[in-house]
Amino acid sequence: TLSTDGKQNAYVQCVVNALVAELPQQYRGVRWETALFVEKEP
């Protein structure tokens, strides 16, 4: 089940974007996609 919580999705995407910006070029050039799953296990 995918989460529809806009705030949490934006939070995760923001962290991903900040990390990806520091990757080598071959990985920065990829369009990164995130998914937030409704699942209790961390």
All heavy atoms as atom14 arrays in JSON, in Angstrom:
{
  "sequence": "TLSTDGKQNAYVQCVVNALVAELPQQYRGVRWETALFVEKEP",
  "atom14_mask": [
    [1, 1, 1, 1, 1, 1, 1, 0, 0, 0, 0, 0, 0, 0],
    [1, 1, 1, 1, 1, 1, 1, 1, 0, 0, 0, 0, 0, 0],
    [1, 1, 1, 1, 1, 1, 0, 0, 0, 0, 0, 0, 0, 0],
    [1, 1, 1, 1, 1, 1, 1, 0, 0, 0, 0, 0, 0, 0],
    [1, 1, 1, 1, 1, 1, 1, 1, 0, 0, 0, 0, 0, 0],
    [1, 1, 1, 1, 0, 0, 0, 0, 0, 0, 0, 0, 0, 0],
    [1, 1, 1, 1, 1, 1, 1, 1, 1, 0, 0, 0, 0, 0],
    [1, 1, 1, 1, 1, 1, 1, 1, 1, 0, 0, 0, 0, 0],
    [1, 1, 1, 1, 1, 1, 1, 1, 0, 0, 0, 0, 0, 0],
    [1, 1, 1, 1, 1, 0, 0, 0, 0, 0, 0, 0, 0, 0],
    [1, 1, 1, 1, 1, 1, 1, 1, 1, 1, 1, 1, 0, 0],
    [1, 1, 1, 1, 1, 1, 1, 0, 0, 0, 0, 0, 0, 0],
    [1, 1, 1, 1, 1, 1, 1, 1, 1, 0, 0, 0, 0, 0],
    [1, 1, 1, 1, 1, 1, 0, 0, 0, 0, 0, 0, 0, 0],
    [1, 1, 1, 1, 1, 1, 1, 0, 0, 0, 0, 0, 0, 0],
    [1, 1, 1, 1, 1, 1, 1, 0, 0, 0, 0, 0, 0, 0],
    [1, 1, 1, 1, 1, 1, 1, 1, 0, 0, 0, 0, 0, 0],
    [1, 1, 1, 1, 1, 0, 0, 0, 0, 0, 0, 0, 0, 0],
    [1, 1, 1, 1, 1, 1, 1, 1, 0, 0, 0, 0, 0, 0],
    [1, 1, 1, 1, 1, 1, 1, 0, 0, 0, 0, 0, 0, 0],
    [1, 1, 1, 1, 1, 0, 0, 0, 0, 0, 0, 0, 0, 0],
    [1, 1, 1, 1, 1, 1, 1, 1, 1, 0, 0, 0, 0, 0],
    [1, 1, 1, 1, 1, 1, 1, 1, 0, 0, 0, 0, 0, 0],
    [1, 1, 1, 1, 1, 1, 1, 0, 0, 0, 0, 0, 0, 0],
    [1, 1, 1, 1, 1, 1, 1, 1, 1, 0, 0, 0, 0, 0],
    [1, 1, 1, 1, 1, 1, 1, 1, 1, 0, 0, 0, 0, 0],
    [1, 1, 1, 1, 1, 1, 1, 1, 1, 1, 1, 1, 0, 0],
    [1, 1, 1, 1, 1, 1, 1, 1, 1, 1, 1, 0, 0, 0],
    [1, 1, 1, 1, 0, 0, 0, 0, 0, 0, 0, 0, 0, 0],
    [1, 1, 1, 1, 1, 1, 1, 0, 0, 0, 0, 0, 0, 0],
    [1, 1, 1, 1, 1, 1, 1, 1, 1, 1, 1, 0, 0, 0],
    [1, 1, 1, 1, 1, 1, 1, 1, 1, 1, 1, 1, 1, 1],
    [1, 1, 1, 1, 1, 1, 1, 1, 1, 0, 0, 0, 0, 0],
    [1, 1, 1, 1, 1, 1, 1, 0, 0, 0, 0, 0, 0, 0],
    [1, 1, 1, 1, 1, 0, 0, 0, 0, 0, 0, 0, 0, 0],
    [1, 1, 1, 1, 1, 1, 1, 1, 0, 0, 0, 0, 0, 0],
    [1, 1, 1, 1, 1, 1, 1, 1, 1, 1, 1, 0, 0, 0],
    [1, 1, 1, 1, 1, 1, 1, 0, 0, 0, 0, 0, 0, 0],
    [1, 1, 1, 1, 1, 1, 1, 1, 1, 0, 0, 0, 0, 0],
    [1, 1, 1, 1, 1, 1, 1, 1, 1, 0, 0, 0, 0, 0],
    [1, 1, 1, 1, 1, 1, 1, 1, 1, 0, 0, 0, 0, 0],
    [1, 1, 1, 1, 1, 1, 1, 0, 0, 0, 0, 0, 0, 0]
  ],
  "atom14_positions": [
    [[0.84, -1.2, 0.0], [0.0, 0.0, 0.0], [0.87, 1.25, 0.0], [1.76, 1.4, 0.86], [-0.91, 0.02, 1.24], [-1.72, -1.16, 1.24], [-1.81, 1.24, 1.22], [0.0, 0.0, 0.0], [0.0, 0.0, 0.0], [0.0, 0.0, 0.0], [0.0, 0.0, 0.0], [0.0, 0.0, 0.0], [0.0, 0.0, 0.0], [0.0, 0.0, 0.0]],
    [[0.63, 2.12, -0.94], [1.38, 3.37, -1.04], [0.73, 4.45, -0.17], [-0.5, 4.59, -0.14], [1.42, 3.85, -2.49], [2.31, 3.04, -3.44], [2.01, 3.4, -4.88], [3.78, 3.26, -3.14], [0.0, 0.0, 0.0], [0.0, 0.0, 0.0], [0.0, 0.0, 0.0], [0.0, 0.0, 0.0], [0.0, 0.0, 0.0], [0.0, 0.0, 0.0]],
    [[1.56, 5.2, 0.54], [1.06, 6.29, 1.37], [0.62, 7.47, 0.49], [1.28, 7.81, -0.48], [2.15, 6.76, 2.33], [1.75, 7.94, 3.0], [0.0, 0.0, 0.0], [0.0, 0.0, 0.0], [0.0, 0.0, 0.0], [0.0, 0.0, 0.0], [0.0, 0.0, 0.0], [0.0, 0.0, 0.0], [0.0, 0.0, 0.0], [0.0, 0.0, 0.0]],
    [[-0.49, 8.06, 0.88], [-0.98, 9.26, 0.18], [-0.75, 10.51, 1.02], [-1.27, 11.58, 0.7], [-2.48, 9.11, -0.15], [-3.21, 8.88, 1.08], [-2.72, 7.96, -1.1], [0.0, 0.0, 0.0], [0.0, 0.0, 0.0], [0.0, 0.0, 0.0], [0.0, 0.0, 0.0], [0.0, 0.0, 0.0], [0.0, 0.0, 0.0], [0.0, 0.0, 0.0]],
    [[0.03, 10.39, 2.08], [0.33, 11.53, 2.94], [1.31, 12.45, 2.23], [2.5, 12.14, 2.08], [0.94, 11.02, 4.26], [1.13, 12.13, 5.29], [1.69, 13.19, 4.93], [0.74, 11.95, 6.45], [0.0, 0.0, 0.0], [0.0, 0.0, 0.0], [0.0, 0.0, 0.0], [0.0, 0.0, 0.0], [0.0, 0.0, 0.0], [0.0, 0.0, 0.0]],
    [[0.82, 13.58, 1.75], [1.64, 14.49, 0.96], [2.84, 15.03, 1.72], [3.93, 15.15, 1.16], [0.0, 0.0, 0.0], [0.0, 0.0, 0.0], [0.0, 0.0, 0.0], [0.0, 0.0, 0.0], [0.0, 0.0, 0.0], [0.0, 0.0, 0.0], [0.0, 0.0, 0.0], [0.0, 0.0, 0.0], [0.0, 0.0, 0.0], [0.0, 0.0, 0.0]],
    [[2.67, 15.34, 3.0], [3.75, 15.9, 3.8], [4.87, 14.89, 3.98], [6.06, 15.22, 3.82], [3.22, 16.35, 5.16], [4.26, 17.05, 6.02], [3.65, 17.57, 7.32], [4.69, 18.28, 8.18], [4.1, 18.78, 9.46], [0.0, 0.0, 0.0], [0.0, 0.0, 0.0], [0.0, 0.0, 0.0], [0.0, 0.0, 0.0], [0.0, 0.0, 0.0]],
    [[4.52, 13.65, 4.3], [5.54, 12.62, 4.5], [6.24, 12.28, 3.19], [7.46, 12.07, 3.17], [4.92, 11.37, 5.11], [4.55, 11.53, 6.58], [4.06, 10.23, 7.19], [3.65, 9.31, 6.48], [4.08, 10.15, 8.52], [0.0, 0.0, 0.0], [0.0, 0.0, 0.0], [0.0, 0.0, 0.0], [0.0, 0.0, 0.0], [0.0, 0.0, 0.0]],
    [[5.5, 12.22, 2.09], [6.11, 11.94, 0.79], [7.1, 13.04, 0.41], [8.19, 12.76, -0.09], [5.04, 11.8, -0.28], [4.48, 10.39, -0.38], [5.07, 9.52, -1.0], [3.33, 10.17, 0.25], [0.0, 0.0, 0.0], [0.0, 0.0, 0.0], [0.0, 0.0, 0.0], [0.0, 0.0, 0.0], [0.0, 0.0, 0.0], [0.0, 0.0, 0.0]],
    [[6.71, 14.3, 0.65], [7.6, 15.42, 0.33], [8.85, 15.4, 1.21], [9.95, 15.72, 0.75], [6.85, 16.74, 0.51], [0.0, 0.0, 0.0], [0.0, 0.0, 0.0], [0.0, 0.0, 0.0], [0.0, 0.0, 0.0], [0.0, 0.0, 0.0], [0.0, 0.0, 0.0], [0.0, 0.0, 0.0], [0.0, 0.0, 0.0], [0.0, 0.0, 0.0]],
    [[8.68, 15.0, 2.45], [9.79, 14.89, 3.39], [10.82, 13.88, 2.9], [12.03, 14.17, 2.81], [9.21, 14.48, 4.75], [10.2, 14.21, 5.86], [11.37, 14.95, 6.01], [9.92, 13.22, 6.81], [12.25, 14.7, 7.06], [10.78, 12.98, 7.87], [11.94, 13.71, 7.99], [12.8, 13.46, 9.04], [0.0, 0.0, 0.0], [0.0, 0.0, 0.0]],
    [[10.35, 12.7, 2.53], [11.25, 11.66, 2.02], [11.93, 12.12, 0.74], [13.15, 11.96, 0.57], [10.49, 10.34, 1.8], [11.37, 9.33, 1.08], [9.99, 9.78, 3.12], [0.0, 0.0, 0.0], [0.0, 0.0, 0.0], [0.0, 0.0, 0.0], [0.0, 0.0, 0.0], [0.0, 0.0, 0.0], [0.0, 0.0, 0.0], [0.0, 0.0, 0.0]],
    [[11.16, 12.71, -0.17], [11.72, 13.15, -1.44], [12.78, 14.23, -1.24], [13.8, 14.25, -1.94], [10.6, 13.69, -2.35], [11.05, 14.01, -3.77], [11.46, 12.77, -4.55], [10.65, 11.88, -4.77], [12.73, 12.7, -4.97], [0.0, 0.0, 0.0], [0.0, 0.0, 0.0], [0.0, 0.0, 0.0], [0.0, 0.0, 0.0], [0.0, 0.0, 0.0]],
    [[12.56, 15.1, -0.29], [13.53, 16.17, 0.0], [14.87, 15.58, 0.45], [15.93, 16.01, -0.01], [12.96, 17.09, 1.09], [14.09, 18.41, 1.61], [0.0, 0.0, 0.0], [0.0, 0.0, 0.0], [0.0, 0.0, 0.0], [0.0, 0.0, 0.0], [0.0, 0.0, 0.0], [0.0, 0.0, 0.0], [0.0, 0.0, 0.0], [0.0, 0.0, 0.0]],
    [[14.82, 14.59, 1.32], [16.05, 13.96, 1.8], [16.75, 13.24, 0.65], [17.97, 13.34, 0.48], [15.74, 12.99, 2.96], [16.99, 12.18, 3.32], [15.25, 13.76, 4.18], [0.0, 0.0, 0.0], [0.0, 0.0, 0.0], [0.0, 0.0, 0.0], [0.0, 0.0, 0.0], [0.0, 0.0, 0.0], [0.0, 0.0, 0.0], [0.0, 0.0, 0.0]],
    [[15.97, 12.52, -0.16], [16.55, 11.83, -1.3], [17.22, 12.81, -2.24], [18.36, 12.6, -2.69], [15.47, 11.02, -2.05], [16.02, 10.49, -3.38], [14.98, 9.85, -1.19], [0.0, 0.0, 0.0], [0.0, 0.0, 0.0], [0.0, 0.0, 0.0], [0.0, 0.0, 0.0], [0.0, 0.0, 0.0], [0.0, 0.0, 0.0], [0.0, 0.0, 0.0]],
    [[16.55, 13.92, -2.54], [17.1, 14.91, -3.47], [18.42, 15.48, -2.96], [19.37, 15.68, -3.74], [16.1, 16.05, -3.68], [14.89, 15.63, -4.5], [14.88, 14.56, -5.13], [13.85, 16.44, -4.48], [0.0, 0.0, 0.0], [0.0, 0.0, 0.0], [0.0, 0.0, 0.0], [0.0, 0.0, 0.0], [0.0, 0.0, 0.0], [0.0, 0.0, 0.0]],
    [[18.48, 15.76, -1.66], [19.71, 16.33, -1.09], [20.87, 15.34, -1.19], [22.01, 15.73, -1.47], [19.47, 16.72, 0.37], [0.0, 0.0, 0.0], [0.0, 0.0, 0.0], [0.0, 0.0, 0.0], [0.0, 0.0, 0.0], [0.0, 0.0, 0.0], [0.0, 0.0, 0.0], [0.0, 0.0, 0.0], [0.0, 0.0, 0.0], [0.0, 0.0, 0.0]],
    [[20.6, 14.06, -0.97], [21.65, 13.05, -1.05], [22.08, 12.82, -2.5], [23.27, 12.74, -2.8], [21.15, 11.74, -0.44], [20.9, 11.76, 1.08], [20.15, 10.51, 1.51], [22.21, 11.87, 1.85], [0.0, 0.0, 0.0], [0.0, 0.0, 0.0], [0.0, 0.0, 0.0], [0.0, 0.0, 0.0], [0.0, 0.0, 0.0], [0.0, 0.0, 0.0]],
    [[21.11, 12.73, -3.39], [21.41, 12.47, -4.8], [22.28, 13.58, -5.39], [23.13, 13.32, -6.24], [20.1, 12.29, -5.6], [20.36, 12.31, -7.11], [19.41, 10.98, -5.21], [0.0, 0.0, 0.0], [0.0, 0.0, 0.0], [0.0, 0.0, 0.0], [0.0, 0.0, 0.0], [0.0, 0.0, 0.0], [0.0, 0.0, 0.0], [0.0, 0.0, 0.0]],
    [[22.07, 14.8, -4.94], [22.83, 15.94, -5.46], [24.33, 15.78, -5.22], [25.14, 16.43, -5.9], [22.34, 17.24, -4.83], [0.0, 0.0, 0.0], [0.0, 0.0, 0.0], [0.0, 0.0, 0.0], [0.0, 0.0, 0.0], [0.0, 0.0, 0.0], [0.0, 0.0, 0.0], [0.0, 0.0, 0.0], [0.0, 0.0, 0.0], [0.0, 0.0, 0.0]],
    [[24.72, 14.91, -4.28], [26.14, 14.72, -3.96], [26.71, 13.44, -4.56], [27.87, 13.1, -4.3], [26.32, 14.7, -2.44], [25.88, 15.97, -1.75], [26.47, 17.21, -2.38], [27.71, 17.24, -2.55], [25.71, 18.15, -2.69], [0.0, 0.0, 0.0], [0.0, 0.0, 0.0], [0.0, 0.0, 0.0], [0.0, 0.0, 0.0], [0.0, 0.0, 0.0]],
    [[25.93, 12.74, -5.37], [26.4, 11.5, -5.97], [27.29, 11.77, -7.19], [27.23, 12.87, -7.76], [25.21, 10.64, -6.41], [24.3, 10.11, -5.31], [23.15, 9.31, -5.93], [25.08, 9.24, -4.33], [0.0, 0.0, 0.0], [0.0, 0.0, 0.0], [0.0, 0.0, 0.0], [0.0, 0.0, 0.0], [0.0, 0.0, 0.0], [0.0, 0.0, 0.0]],
    [[28.09, 10.81, -7.61], [28.82, 10.94, -8.87], [27.85, 11.2, -10.02], [26.68, 10.82, -9.96], [29.51, 9.58, -9.02], [29.63, 9.06, -7.62], [28.41, 9.55, -6.91], [0.0, 0.0, 0.0], [0.0, 0.0, 0.0], [0.0, 0.0, 0.0], [0.0, 0.0, 0.0], [0.0, 0.0, 0.0], [0.0, 0.0, 0.0], [0.0, 0.0, 0.0]],
    [[28.35, 11.82, -11.08], [27.51, 12.26, -12.19], [26.65, 11.14, -12.77], [25.49, 11.37, -13.13], [28.38, 12.88, -13.29], [27.59, 13.35, -14.52], [26.5, 14.35, -14.16], [26.73, 15.28, -13.37], [25.31, 14.19, -14.73], [0.0, 0.0, 0.0], [0.0, 0.0, 0.0], [0.0, 0.0, 0.0], [0.0, 0.0, 0.0], [0.0, 0.0, 0.0]],
    [[27.19, 9.94, -12.87], [26.44, 8.86, -13.48], [25.16, 8.54, -12.72], [24.2, 8.01, -13.28], [27.3, 7.6, -13.57], [27.62, 6.96, -12.23], [28.63, 5.85, -12.33], [29.83, 6.09, -12.18], [28.16, 4.65, -12.59], [0.0, 0.0, 0.0], [0.0, 0.0, 0.0], [0.0, 0.0, 0.0], [0.0, 0.0, 0.0], [0.0, 0.0, 0.0]],
    [[25.12, 8.88, -11.42], [23.92, 8.65, -10.62], [23.07, 9.9, -10.5], [21.85, 9.81, -10.36], [24.31, 8.14, -9.23], [25.07, 6.84, -9.26], [26.45, 6.8, -9.04], [24.43, 5.64, -9.53], [27.15, 5.62, -9.08], [25.12, 4.44, -9.58], [26.49, 4.43, -9.36], [27.19, 3.25, -9.41], [0.0, 0.0, 0.0], [0.0, 0.0, 0.0]],
    [[23.71, 11.08, -10.56], [22.94, 12.32, -10.51], [22.08, 12.49, -11.75], [21.02, 13.12, -11.7], [23.87, 13.54, -10.4], [24.55, 13.68, -9.06], [24.99, 15.12, -8.82], [25.76, 15.68, -9.91], [27.08, 15.58, -10.04], [27.77, 14.91, -9.13], [27.71, 16.13, -11.05], [0.0, 0.0, 0.0], [0.0, 0.0, 0.0], [0.0, 0.0, 0.0]],
    [[22.54, 11.93, -12.88], [21.8, 12.09, -14.12], [20.56, 11.23, -14.23], [19.8, 11.35, -15.19], [0.0, 0.0, 0.0], [0.0, 0.0, 0.0], [0.0, 0.0, 0.0], [0.0, 0.0, 0.0], [0.0, 0.0, 0.0], [0.0, 0.0, 0.0], [0.0, 0.0, 0.0], [0.0, 0.0, 0.0], [0.0, 0.0, 0.0], [0.0, 0.0, 0.0]],
    [[20.35, 10.36, -13.23], [19.18, 9.48, -13.24], [18.0, 10.2, -12.6], [18.17, 10.96, -11.64], [19.5, 8.19, -12.45], [18.26, 7.31, -12.3], [20.62, 7.42, -13.12], [0.0, 0.0, 0.0], [0.0, 0.0, 0.0], [0.0, 0.0, 0.0], [0.0, 0.0, 0.0], [0.0, 0.0, 0.0], [0.0, 0.0, 0.0], [0.0, 0.0, 0.0]],
    [[16.8, 9.97, -13.14], [15.59, 10.53, -12.52], [15.19, 9.62, -11.36], [14.64, 8.54, -11.55], [14.46, 10.62, -13.54], [13.17, 11.22, -12.95], [12.05, 11.22, -13.98], [10.81, 11.68, -13.4], [9.95, 10.9, -12.72], [10.23, 9.61, -12.55], [8.84, 11.4, -12.22], [0.0, 0.0, 0.0], [0.0, 0.0, 0.0], [0.0, 0.0, 0.0]],
    [[15.48, 10.05, -10.14], [15.21, 9.23, -8.96], [13.72, 9.27, -8.6], [13.09, 10.34, -8.63], [16.06, 9.7, -7.79], [17.5, 9.29, -7.94], [18.43, 9.84, -8.8], [18.16, 8.23, -7.28], [19.62, 9.17, -8.69], [19.49, 8.17, -7.76], [17.78, 7.31, -6.3], [20.42, 7.25, -7.31], [18.71, 6.38, -5.84], [20.01, 6.36, -6.34]],
    [[13.2, 8.13, -8.28], [11.79, 7.98, -7.91], [11.7, 7.4, -6.51], [12.42, 6.48, -6.16], [11.1, 7.04, -8.91], [9.64, 6.78, -8.58], [9.0, 5.74, -9.5], [9.71, 5.22, -10.39], [7.82, 5.44, -9.3], [0.0, 0.0, 0.0], [0.0, 0.0, 0.0], [0.0, 0.0, 0.0], [0.0, 0.0, 0.0], [0.0, 0.0, 0.0]],
    [[10.82, 7.94, -5.7], [10.64, 7.44, -4.35], [9.22, 6.92, -4.17], [8.29, 7.35, -4.87], [10.89, 8.54, -3.29], [9.9, 9.56, -3.43], [12.27, 9.14, -3.46], [0.0, 0.0, 0.0], [0.0, 0.0, 0.0], [0.0, 0.0, 0.0], [0.0, 0.0, 0.0], [0.0, 0.0, 0.0], [0.0, 0.0, 0.0], [0.0, 0.0, 0.0]],
    [[9.06, 6.01, -3.24], [7.74, 5.49, -2.88], [7.72, 5.31, -1.37], [8.68, 4.8, -0.78], [7.46, 4.17, -3.58], [0.0, 0.0, 0.0], [0.0, 0.0, 0.0], [0.0, 0.0, 0.0], [0.0, 0.0, 0.0], [0.0, 0.0, 0.0], [0.0, 0.0, 0.0], [0.0, 0.0, 0.0], [0.0, 0.0, 0.0], [0.0, 0.0, 0.0]],
    [[6.64, 5.77, -0.75], [6.46, 5.62, 0.69], [5.37, 4.57, 0.92], [4.23, 4.74, 0.47], [6.07, 6.96, 1.32], [5.87, 6.99, 2.83], [7.17, 6.63, 3.55], [5.4, 8.38, 3.28], [0.0, 0.0, 0.0], [0.0, 0.0, 0.0], [0.0, 0.0, 0.0], [0.0, 0.0, 0.0], [0.0, 0.0, 0.0], [0.0, 0.0, 0.0]],
    [[5.73, 3.49, 1.6], [4.81, 2.38, 1.81], [4.23, 2.41, 3.22], [4.94, 2.7, 4.19], [5.54, 1.04, 1.6], [6.12, 0.88, 0.22], [7.48, 1.02, 0.0], [5.3, 0.6, -0.87], [8.02, 0.88, -1.26], [5.83, 0.45, -2.14], [7.19, 0.6, -2.34], [0.0, 0.0, 0.0], [0.0, 0.0, 0.0], [0.0, 0.0, 0.0]],
    [[2.94, 2.13, 3.31], [2.28, 2.06, 4.62], [2.6, 0.69, 5.22], [1.97, -0.31, 4.92], [0.75, 2.24, 4.48], [0.09, 2.18, 5.86], [0.43, 3.55, 3.78], [0.0, 0.0, 0.0], [0.0, 0.0, 0.0], [0.0, 0.0, 0.0], [0.0, 0.0, 0.0], [0.0, 0.0, 0.0], [0.0, 0.0, 0.0], [0.0, 0.0, 0.0]],
    [[3.62, 0.67, 6.04], [4.13, -0.58, 6.61], [4.81, -0.26, 7.94], [5.65, 0.64, 8.02], [5.13, -1.22, 5.64], [5.87, -2.42, 6.17], [4.95, -3.54, 6.58], [4.13, -3.96, 5.75], [5.04, -3.99, 7.75], [0.0, 0.0, 0.0], [0.0, 0.0, 0.0], [0.0, 0.0, 0.0], [0.0, 0.0, 0.0], [0.0, 0.0, 0.0]],
    [[4.44, -0.99, 9.0], [4.94, -0.68, 10.34], [6.42, -1.01, 10.51], [7.11, -0.37, 11.3], [4.13, -1.46, 11.38], [2.71, -0.95, 11.55], [1.99, -1.72, 12.66], [0.57, -1.2, 12.84], [-0.15, -1.94, 13.92], [0.0, 0.0, 0.0], [0.0, 0.0, 0.0], [0.0, 0.0, 0.0], [0.0, 0.0, 0.0], [0.0, 0.0, 0.0]],
    [[6.92, -2.0, 9.8], [8.31, -2.38, 9.98], [9.23, -1.25, 9.51], [9.11, -0.78, 8.38], [8.63, -3.66, 9.22], [10.04, -4.15, 9.47], [10.29, -5.57, 8.96], [9.31, -6.25, 8.61], [11.45, -5.97, 8.92], [0.0, 0.0, 0.0], [0.0, 0.0, 0.0], [0.0, 0.0, 0.0], [0.0, 0.0, 0.0], [0.0, 0.0, 0.0]],
    [[10.15, -0.8, 10.37], [11.04, 0.3, 9.97], [12.1, -0.18, 8.98], [13.07, -0.81, 9.38], [11.66, 0.75, 11.3], [11.59, -0.45, 12.17], [10.38, -1.24, 11.75], [0.0, 0.0, 0.0], [0.0, 0.0, 0.0], [0.0, 0.0, 0.0], [0.0, 0.0, 0.0], [0.0, 0.0, 0.0], [0.0, 0.0, 0.0], [0.0, 0.0, 0.0]]
  ]
}
